[in-house]
Amino acid sequence: MVALDIFADPVCPWCLIGKAHLDRALEARPDHPFRIAWHPFQLNPDLPRAGADRRAWLEAKFGGKDRAVRAYARVMAAAEQAGVTINLDRIDRQPNTLDAHRLIQWAAIEGRQSLVVEALMRGYFRDGRDIGDPATLAAIAGEAGMDPAVVARLLATDADRDDIAARDADARARGVSAVPTFLIDRRYVVEGAQPPDLWLRVIDDVAGLVARRPGA
């Protein structure tokens, strides 16, 4: 198997779109050689732990309502093309995602990491759930097959907060400056929400390399 390390934030719309494109390619190549792991990258680490009003936050980030609308028009067009749903009218909060990344890390231990990432993105962008809220995160964990009571207890502690921050900092130190960023076999980088056709070529190329490895 070949490592496919994905640096992403579950509130990043381009991560949602990029995941949809990758998923489509993986479905077309069910014998793909990838072993997928998700890694933390907080787009907005300075947000308060309770998050912020999303409309006010977006307007401040983009310099006014009109600029925010224009910025998201491109996102919405790309989401429609990718076949993913973004219901902006349902999203009230811009969450701090530190706890969401903690949940993603714990999900990896149980082999449910991709399921949890999918549930977080769907919950936020489609359903407007506040994925910075511990109760919401525990519920999402339960829906993905984890024990919600255990997750709730862990979220009430400081477990792995420093580790997530350190991994995020390490990613930035190694050159990750935006998400999604995909690292293939610890060597090759693919940046951004690339279309399924590109991923199909990558999968076929990587599968060919694997087949030519000694002992394959």
Foldseek 3Di string as FASTA:
>chain_A
DKEKEWEDFLVDLQQVLLVLQLVVLCVVVVVFPYDYAYAYAWPCQPAPLAFAFVQVVLCVVQVHDVSSVVVCVVSVVSCVVSVHAFDPVLAGGDHNCLLVRVLLVVCVVVVQNVVLSVLSNCCCGVVNDHNSDLLVSLVSCVVSPHHSVVSSVVSVDCPCSVVNVVRNVVCVVVPDDDDGWIQINVHDIDHTSDHNVVSNVVRVVVVVVVVPDPPD
